[in-house]
Amino acid sequence: MDGVHAFLTVRKLKAGSYENWLRAWEPDEWPEGARQAYILRNAGDPDEVIAFGFFDTDVEKLRGDPACGRSYDRRGGSVHKEVGTMSEYRVAGRWDVHQSNGYHALFEIGQHPPDGNDLVGSATLDDGTTGGGSGRVEGDKFSFRVEWPNGSVGIYEGTFGADGRISGQTFDEAHPGSQATWFSGANFEK
């Protein structure tokens, strides 16, 4: 796929290793199509860095370039660990879900890492039935999968609106034709 592409990594450096990482980060030779690259440091934790760059090249060609892989491997394990990407929205906590089919659930969700994309938690219906769940939040998309005690699996997919509320569709994983709309009772901040 041709065009301009952005590559982004978030790293937690080992304490005191920033200068070594910085020297190792810049490749001996930039890959074909490299336009610009940037490094940002977290003001509250200078050992957390975000590196991103823009490339005007075919993504598959860049991924297949052995020089890129060797350069990345050289920079790798001695000074940092990958920490993933951060979510724009923080959905951790207890909040209500209102469904168009009359069901109401209380979600209790943890977000890992605290600003991360991975979600773990539970959903409890008004009758006390509780199921364990897991999911992701990426950009303006939310997804959560709840395994209910009766063996059914509820899928909640939604999008954050301008007001910070999530709305979307929910359905039974085994019967995707059986759907309802839903919305969050909470507004979430970026």
C-alpha atoms as a PDB file:
ATOM      1  CA  MET A   1       0.000   0.000   0.000  1.00  0.00           C
ATOM      2  CA  ASP A   2       1.651   3.205  -1.183  1.00  0.00           C
ATOM      3  CA  GLY A   3       1.283   6.572   0.509  1.00  0.00           C
ATOM      4  CA  VAL A   4       2.500   8.344   3.612  1.00  0.00           C
ATOM      5  CA  HIS A   5       2.456   6.138   6.714  1.00  0.00           C
ATOM      6  CA  ALA A   6       3.174   6.909  10.346  1.00  0.00           C
ATOM      7  CA  PHE A   7       4.889   4.443  12.667  1.00  0.00           C
ATOM      8  CA  LEU A   8       4.639   4.961  16.419  1.00  0.00           C
ATOM      9  CA  THR A   9       6.075   3.194  19.455  1.00  0.00           C
ATOM     10  CA  VAL A  10       5.776   3.920  23.162  1.00  0.00           C
ATOM     11  CA  ARG A  11       8.660   2.724  25.281  1.00  0.00           C
ATOM     12  CA  LYS A  12       9.490   2.632  28.960  1.00  0.00           C
ATOM     13  CA  LEU A  13      13.275   2.970  29.153  1.00  0.00           C
ATOM     14  CA  LYS A  14      15.361   1.466  31.882  1.00  0.00           C
ATOM     15  CA  ALA A  15      16.299   4.192  34.375  1.00  0.00           C
ATOM     16  CA  GLY A  16      19.182   6.356  33.175  1.00  0.00           C
ATOM     17  CA  SER A  17      19.404   4.793  29.709  1.00  0.00           C
ATOM     18  CA  TYR A  18      17.931   7.622  27.604  1.00  0.00           C
ATOM     19  CA  GLU A  19      21.223   8.785  26.048  1.00  0.00           C
ATOM     20  CA  ASN A  20      22.208   5.216  25.111  1.00  0.00           C
ATOM     21  CA  TRP A  21      18.749   4.567  23.682  1.00  0.00           C
ATOM     22  CA  LEU A  22      18.840   7.828  21.699  1.00  0.00           C
ATOM     23  CA  ARG A  23      22.177   6.916  20.094  1.00  0.00           C
ATOM     24  CA  ALA A  24      20.914   3.424  19.265  1.00  0.00           C
ATOM     25  CA  TRP A  25      17.505   4.639  18.063  1.00  0.00           C
ATOM     26  CA  GLU A  26      18.784   6.540  15.038  1.00  0.00           C
ATOM     27  CA  PRO A  27      19.632   4.042  12.304  1.00  0.00           C
ATOM     28  CA  ASP A  28      22.968   4.026  10.489  1.00  0.00           C
ATOM     29  CA  GLU A  29      21.026   4.620   7.306  1.00  0.00           C
ATOM     30  CA  TRP A  30      17.414   5.751   7.109  1.00  0.00           C
ATOM     31  CA  PRO A  31      15.100   3.445   5.135  1.00  0.00           C
ATOM     32  CA  GLU A  32      13.978   4.502   1.698  1.00  0.00           C
ATOM     33  CA  GLY A  33      11.046   6.889   1.911  1.00  0.00           C
ATOM     34  CA  ALA A  34      11.804   8.173   5.424  1.00  0.00           C
ATOM     35  CA  ARG A  35      10.477  11.738   5.676  1.00  0.00           C
ATOM     36  CA  GLN A  36      10.789  12.827   9.289  1.00  0.00           C
ATOM     37  CA  ALA A  37      11.102  11.246  12.739  1.00  0.00           C
ATOM     38  CA  TYR A  38      10.400  12.633  16.200  1.00  0.00           C
ATOM     39  CA  ILE A  39      10.994  11.672  19.811  1.00  0.00           C
ATOM     40  CA  LEU A  40       8.832  12.909  22.694  1.00  0.00           C
ATOM     41  CA  ARG A  41       9.596  12.443  26.410  1.00  0.00           C
ATOM     42  CA  ASN A  42       6.977  12.358  29.123  1.00  0.00           C
ATOM     43  CA  ALA A  43       7.527  15.438  31.327  1.00  0.00           C
ATOM     44  CA  GLY A  44       6.319  13.472  34.368  1.00  0.00           C
ATOM     45  CA  ASP A  45       8.436  10.386  33.602  1.00  0.00           C
ATOM     46  CA  PRO A  46      11.443  11.134  31.351  1.00  0.00           C
ATOM     47  CA  ASP A  47      12.103   7.396  30.961  1.00  0.00           C
ATOM     48  CA  GLU A  48       8.876   7.072  28.942  1.00  0.00           C
ATOM     49  CA  VAL A  49       9.388   8.021  25.306  1.00  0.00           C
ATOM     50  CA  ILE A  50       7.265   8.095  22.199  1.00  0.00           C
ATOM     51  CA  ALA A  51       9.071   7.703  18.892  1.00  0.00           C
ATOM     52  CA  PHE A  52       7.234   8.249  15.644  1.00  0.00           C
ATOM     53  CA  GLY A  53       8.081   8.876  12.042  1.00  0.00           C
ATOM     54  CA  PHE A  54       6.542   9.429   8.648  1.00  0.00           C
ATOM     55  CA  PHE A  55       7.438   7.309   5.660  1.00  0.00           C
ATOM     56  CA  ASP A  56       6.497   7.724   2.021  1.00  0.00           C
ATOM     57  CA  THR A  57       6.844   4.106   0.969  1.00  0.00           C
ATOM     58  CA  ASP A  58       5.096   0.785   0.583  1.00  0.00           C
ATOM     59  CA  VAL A  59       4.424  -0.580   4.108  1.00  0.00           C
ATOM     60  CA  GLU A  60       5.126  -4.205   3.146  1.00  0.00           C
ATOM     61  CA  LYS A  61       8.413  -3.198   1.528  1.00  0.00           C
ATOM     62  CA  LEU A  62       9.467  -1.374   4.694  1.00  0.00           C
ATOM     63  CA  ARG A  63       8.430  -4.306   6.919  1.00  0.00           C
ATOM     64  CA  GLY A  64      10.396  -6.683   4.701  1.00  0.00           C
ATOM     65  CA  ASP A  65      13.564  -4.567   4.727  1.00  0.00           C
ATOM     66  CA  PRO A  66      16.102  -6.637   6.735  1.00  0.00           C
ATOM     67  CA  ALA A  67      18.078  -3.483   7.572  1.00  0.00           C
ATOM     68  CA  CYS A  68      15.051  -2.115   9.423  1.00  0.00           C
ATOM     69  CA  GLY A  69      14.730  -5.307  11.437  1.00  0.00           C
ATOM     70  CA  ARG A  70      18.431  -5.430  12.331  1.00  0.00           C
ATOM     71  CA  SER A  71      18.376  -1.790  13.328  1.00  0.00           C
ATOM     72  CA  TYR A  72      15.312  -2.352  15.515  1.00  0.00           C
ATOM     73  CA  ASP A  73      16.831  -5.477  17.110  1.00  0.00           C
ATOM     74  CA  ARG A  74      20.041  -3.578  17.861  1.00  0.00           C
ATOM     75  CA  ARG A  75      18.032  -0.936  19.733  1.00  0.00           C
ATOM     76  CA  GLY A  76      15.860  -3.398  21.571  1.00  0.00           C
ATOM     77  CA  GLY A  77      16.113  -5.232  24.844  1.00  0.00           C
ATOM     78  CA  SER A  78      19.049  -3.687  26.615  1.00  0.00           C
ATOM     79  CA  VAL A  79      17.488  -0.284  27.230  1.00  0.00           C
ATOM     80  CA  HIS A  80      13.700  -0.524  26.967  1.00  0.00           C
ATOM     81  CA  LYS A  81      10.540  -2.544  26.958  1.00  0.00           C
ATOM     82  CA  GLU A  82       7.584  -1.933  24.649  1.00  0.00           C
ATOM     83  CA  VAL A  83       4.599  -0.589  26.547  1.00  0.00           C
ATOM     84  CA  GLY A  84       2.053  -0.387  23.747  1.00  0.00           C
ATOM     85  CA  THR A  85      -0.084   2.499  22.705  1.00  0.00           C
ATOM     86  CA  MET A  86      -2.186   4.726  24.887  1.00  0.00           C
ATOM     87  CA  SER A  87      -5.917   5.058  24.593  1.00  0.00           C
ATOM     88  CA  GLU A  88      -7.553   8.389  23.948  1.00  0.00           C
ATOM     89  CA  TYR A  89     -10.351   7.541  26.397  1.00  0.00           C
ATOM     90  CA  ARG A  90     -10.228   6.356  29.995  1.00  0.00           C
ATOM     91  CA  VAL A  91     -13.129   3.984  30.616  1.00  0.00           C
ATOM     92  CA  ALA A  92     -11.981   2.419  33.892  1.00  0.00           C
ATOM     93  CA  GLY A  93     -14.494   2.364  36.724  1.00  0.00           C
ATOM     94  CA  ARG A  94     -18.169   1.508  37.286  1.00  0.00           C
ATOM     95  CA  TRP A  95     -20.736   2.752  34.798  1.00  0.00           C
ATOM     96  CA  ASP A  96     -24.189   1.925  33.464  1.00  0.00           C
ATOM     97  CA  VAL A  97     -25.120   0.430  30.110  1.00  0.00           C
ATOM     98  CA  HIS A  98     -28.673   0.988  28.838  1.00  0.00           C
ATOM     99  CA  GLN A  99     -29.939  -1.362  26.120  1.00  0.00           C
ATOM    100  CA  SER A 100     -32.865  -0.868  23.712  1.00  0.00           C
ATOM    101  CA  ASN A 101     -34.201  -4.350  24.588  1.00  0.00           C
ATOM    102  CA  GLY A 102     -34.851  -3.276  28.182  1.00  0.00           C
ATOM    103  CA  TYR A 103     -31.739  -4.792  29.759  1.00  0.00           C
ATOM    104  CA  HIS A 104     -29.546  -2.697  32.001  1.00  0.00           C
ATOM    105  CA  ALA A 105     -26.021  -3.643  33.047  1.00  0.00           C
ATOM    106  CA  LEU A 106     -23.413  -2.226  35.372  1.00  0.00           C
ATOM    107  CA  PHE A 107     -19.926  -2.460  33.866  1.00  0.00           C
ATOM    108  CA  GLU A 108     -16.932  -2.519  36.181  1.00  0.00           C
ATOM    109  CA  ILE A 109     -13.840  -2.156  34.055  1.00  0.00           C
ATOM    110  CA  GLY A 110     -10.111  -1.903  34.630  1.00  0.00           C
ATOM    111  CA  GLN A 111      -7.882  -0.446  31.920  1.00  0.00           C
ATOM    112  CA  HIS A 112      -4.360  -1.854  31.545  1.00  0.00           C
ATOM    113  CA  PRO A 113      -2.033  -0.053  31.655  1.00  0.00           C
ATOM    114  CA  PRO A 114      -4.083   2.783  33.188  1.00  0.00           C
ATOM    115  CA  ASP A 115      -4.079   4.732  29.904  1.00  0.00           C
ATOM    116  CA  GLY A 116      -3.844   1.617  27.753  1.00  0.00           C
ATOM    117  CA  ASN A 117      -6.028  -0.202  25.297  1.00  0.00           C
ATOM    118  CA  ASP A 118      -6.720  -3.485  27.138  1.00  0.00           C
ATOM    119  CA  LEU A 119      -9.842  -3.843  29.271  1.00  0.00           C
ATOM    120  CA  VAL A 120     -10.701  -6.447  31.911  1.00  0.00           C
ATOM    121  CA  GLY A 121     -13.750  -6.459  34.128  1.00  0.00           C
ATOM    122  CA  SER A 122     -17.320  -7.597  34.573  1.00  0.00           C
ATOM    123  CA  ALA A 123     -20.921  -6.794  33.765  1.00  0.00           C
ATOM    124  CA  THR A 124     -23.785  -7.242  36.223  1.00  0.00           C
ATOM    125  CA  LEU A 125     -27.448  -7.296  35.205  1.00  0.00           C
ATOM    126  CA  ASP A 126     -30.260  -5.923  37.398  1.00  0.00           C
ATOM    127  CA  ASP A 127     -31.102  -9.474  38.571  1.00  0.00           C
ATOM    128  CA  GLY A 128     -27.544  -9.894  39.939  1.00  0.00           C
ATOM    129  CA  THR A 129     -26.232 -12.114  37.135  1.00  0.00           C
ATOM    130  CA  THR A 130     -22.560 -11.301  36.647  1.00  0.00           C
ATOM    131  CA  GLY A 131     -20.244 -12.228  33.804  1.00  0.00           C
ATOM    132  CA  GLY A 132     -16.534 -11.687  33.337  1.00  0.00           C
ATOM    133  CA  GLY A 133     -15.382  -9.589  30.447  1.00  0.00           C
ATOM    134  CA  SER A 134     -12.461  -8.347  28.444  1.00  0.00           C
ATOM    135  CA  GLY A 135     -12.026  -5.973  25.566  1.00  0.00           C
ATOM    136  CA  ARG A 136     -10.234  -3.035  24.011  1.00  0.00           C
ATOM    137  CA  VAL A 137     -10.565   0.664  23.478  1.00  0.00           C
ATOM    138  CA  GLU A 138      -8.761   2.066  20.447  1.00  0.00           C
ATOM    139  CA  GLY A 139      -9.195   5.582  19.144  1.00  0.00           C
ATOM    140  CA  ASP A 140     -12.938   6.240  19.240  1.00  0.00           C
ATOM    141  CA  LYS A 141     -13.873   2.505  19.219  1.00  0.00           C
ATOM    142  CA  PHE A 142     -14.917   0.426  22.234  1.00  0.00           C
ATOM    143  CA  SER A 143     -15.403  -3.357  22.326  1.00  0.00           C
ATOM    144  CA  PHE A 144     -16.160  -5.586  25.310  1.00  0.00           C
ATOM    145  CA  ARG A 145     -16.941  -9.326  25.418  1.00  0.00           C
ATOM    146  CA  VAL A 146     -18.911 -10.641  28.408  1.00  0.00           C
ATOM    147  CA  GLU A 147     -19.095 -14.370  29.228  1.00  0.00           C
ATOM    148  CA  TRP A 148     -22.356 -14.932  31.103  1.00  0.00           C
ATOM    149  CA  PRO A 149     -22.820 -17.872  33.559  1.00  0.00           C
ATOM    150  CA  ASN A 150     -25.420 -19.536  31.274  1.00  0.00           C
ATOM    151  CA  GLY A 151     -22.784 -19.957  28.541  1.00  0.00           C
ATOM    152  CA  SER A 152     -23.904 -17.096  26.329  1.00  0.00           C
ATOM    153  CA  VAL A 153     -21.429 -14.425  25.287  1.00  0.00           C
ATOM    154  CA  GLY A 154     -22.475 -10.805  24.900  1.00  0.00           C
ATOM    155  CA  ILE A 155     -20.557  -8.584  22.528  1.00  0.00           C
ATOM    156  CA  TYR A 156     -20.673  -4.806  23.051  1.00  0.00           C
ATOM    157  CA  GLU A 157     -19.279  -2.679  20.250  1.00  0.00           C
ATOM    158  CA  GLY A 158     -19.526   1.082  20.249  1.00  0.00           C
ATOM    159  CA  THR A 159     -18.132   4.438  19.291  1.00  0.00           C
ATOM    160  CA  PHE A 160     -17.431   7.474  21.441  1.00  0.00           C
ATOM    161  CA  GLY A 161     -19.585  10.468  20.528  1.00  0.00           C
ATOM    162  CA  ALA A 162     -18.625  14.137  20.713  1.00  0.00           C
ATOM    163  CA  ASP A 163     -20.137  14.221  24.228  1.00  0.00           C
ATOM    164  CA  GLY A 164     -17.863  11.359  25.390  1.00  0.00           C
ATOM    165  CA  ARG A 165     -20.731   8.842  25.602  1.00  0.00           C
ATOM    166  CA  ILE A 166     -20.372   5.413  24.019  1.00  0.00           C
ATOM    167  CA  SER A 167     -23.191   4.096  21.841  1.00  0.00           C
ATOM    168  CA  GLY A 168     -23.376   1.070  19.624  1.00  0.00           C
ATOM    169  CA  GLN A 169     -24.684  -2.451  19.092  1.00  0.00           C
ATOM    170  CA  THR A 170     -24.752  -5.471  21.383  1.00  0.00           C
ATOM    171  CA  PHE A 171     -25.451  -9.037  20.328  1.00  0.00           C
ATOM    172  CA  ASP A 172     -25.106 -12.650  21.410  1.00  0.00           C
ATOM    173  CA  GLU A 173     -21.927 -14.108  19.885  1.00  0.00           C
ATOM    174  CA  ALA A 174     -23.719 -17.364  18.971  1.00  0.00           C
ATOM    175  CA  HIS A 175     -26.747 -15.495  17.535  1.00  0.00           C
ATOM    176  CA  PRO A 176     -25.414 -12.282  15.936  1.00  0.00           C
ATOM    177  CA  GLY A 177     -28.807 -11.566  14.366  1.00  0.00           C
ATOM    178  CA  SER A 178     -30.235 -10.963  17.834  1.00  0.00           C
ATOM    179  CA  GLN A 179     -29.117  -7.358  18.383  1.00  0.00           C
ATOM    180  CA  ALA A 180     -29.935  -4.328  20.467  1.00  0.00           C
ATOM    181  CA  THR A 181     -28.549  -0.817  20.572  1.00  0.00           C
ATOM    182  CA  TRP A 182     -26.891   0.441  23.752  1.00  0.00           C
ATOM    183  CA  PHE A 183     -25.382   3.568  25.249  1.00  0.00           C
ATOM    184  CA  SER A 184     -23.259   4.346  28.287  1.00  0.00           C
ATOM    185  CA  GLY A 185     -24.700   6.223  31.220  1.00  0.00           C
ATOM    186  CA  ALA A 186     -21.327   7.915  31.687  1.00  0.00           C
ATOM    187  CA  ASN A 187     -19.450  10.454  29.632  1.00  0.00           C
ATOM    188  CA  PHE A 188     -15.754   9.720  29.178  1.00  0.00           C
ATOM    189  CA  GLU A 189     -12.965  12.236  28.802  1.00  0.00           C
ATOM    190  CA  LYS A 190     -10.058  11.988  26.453  1.00  0.00           C
END
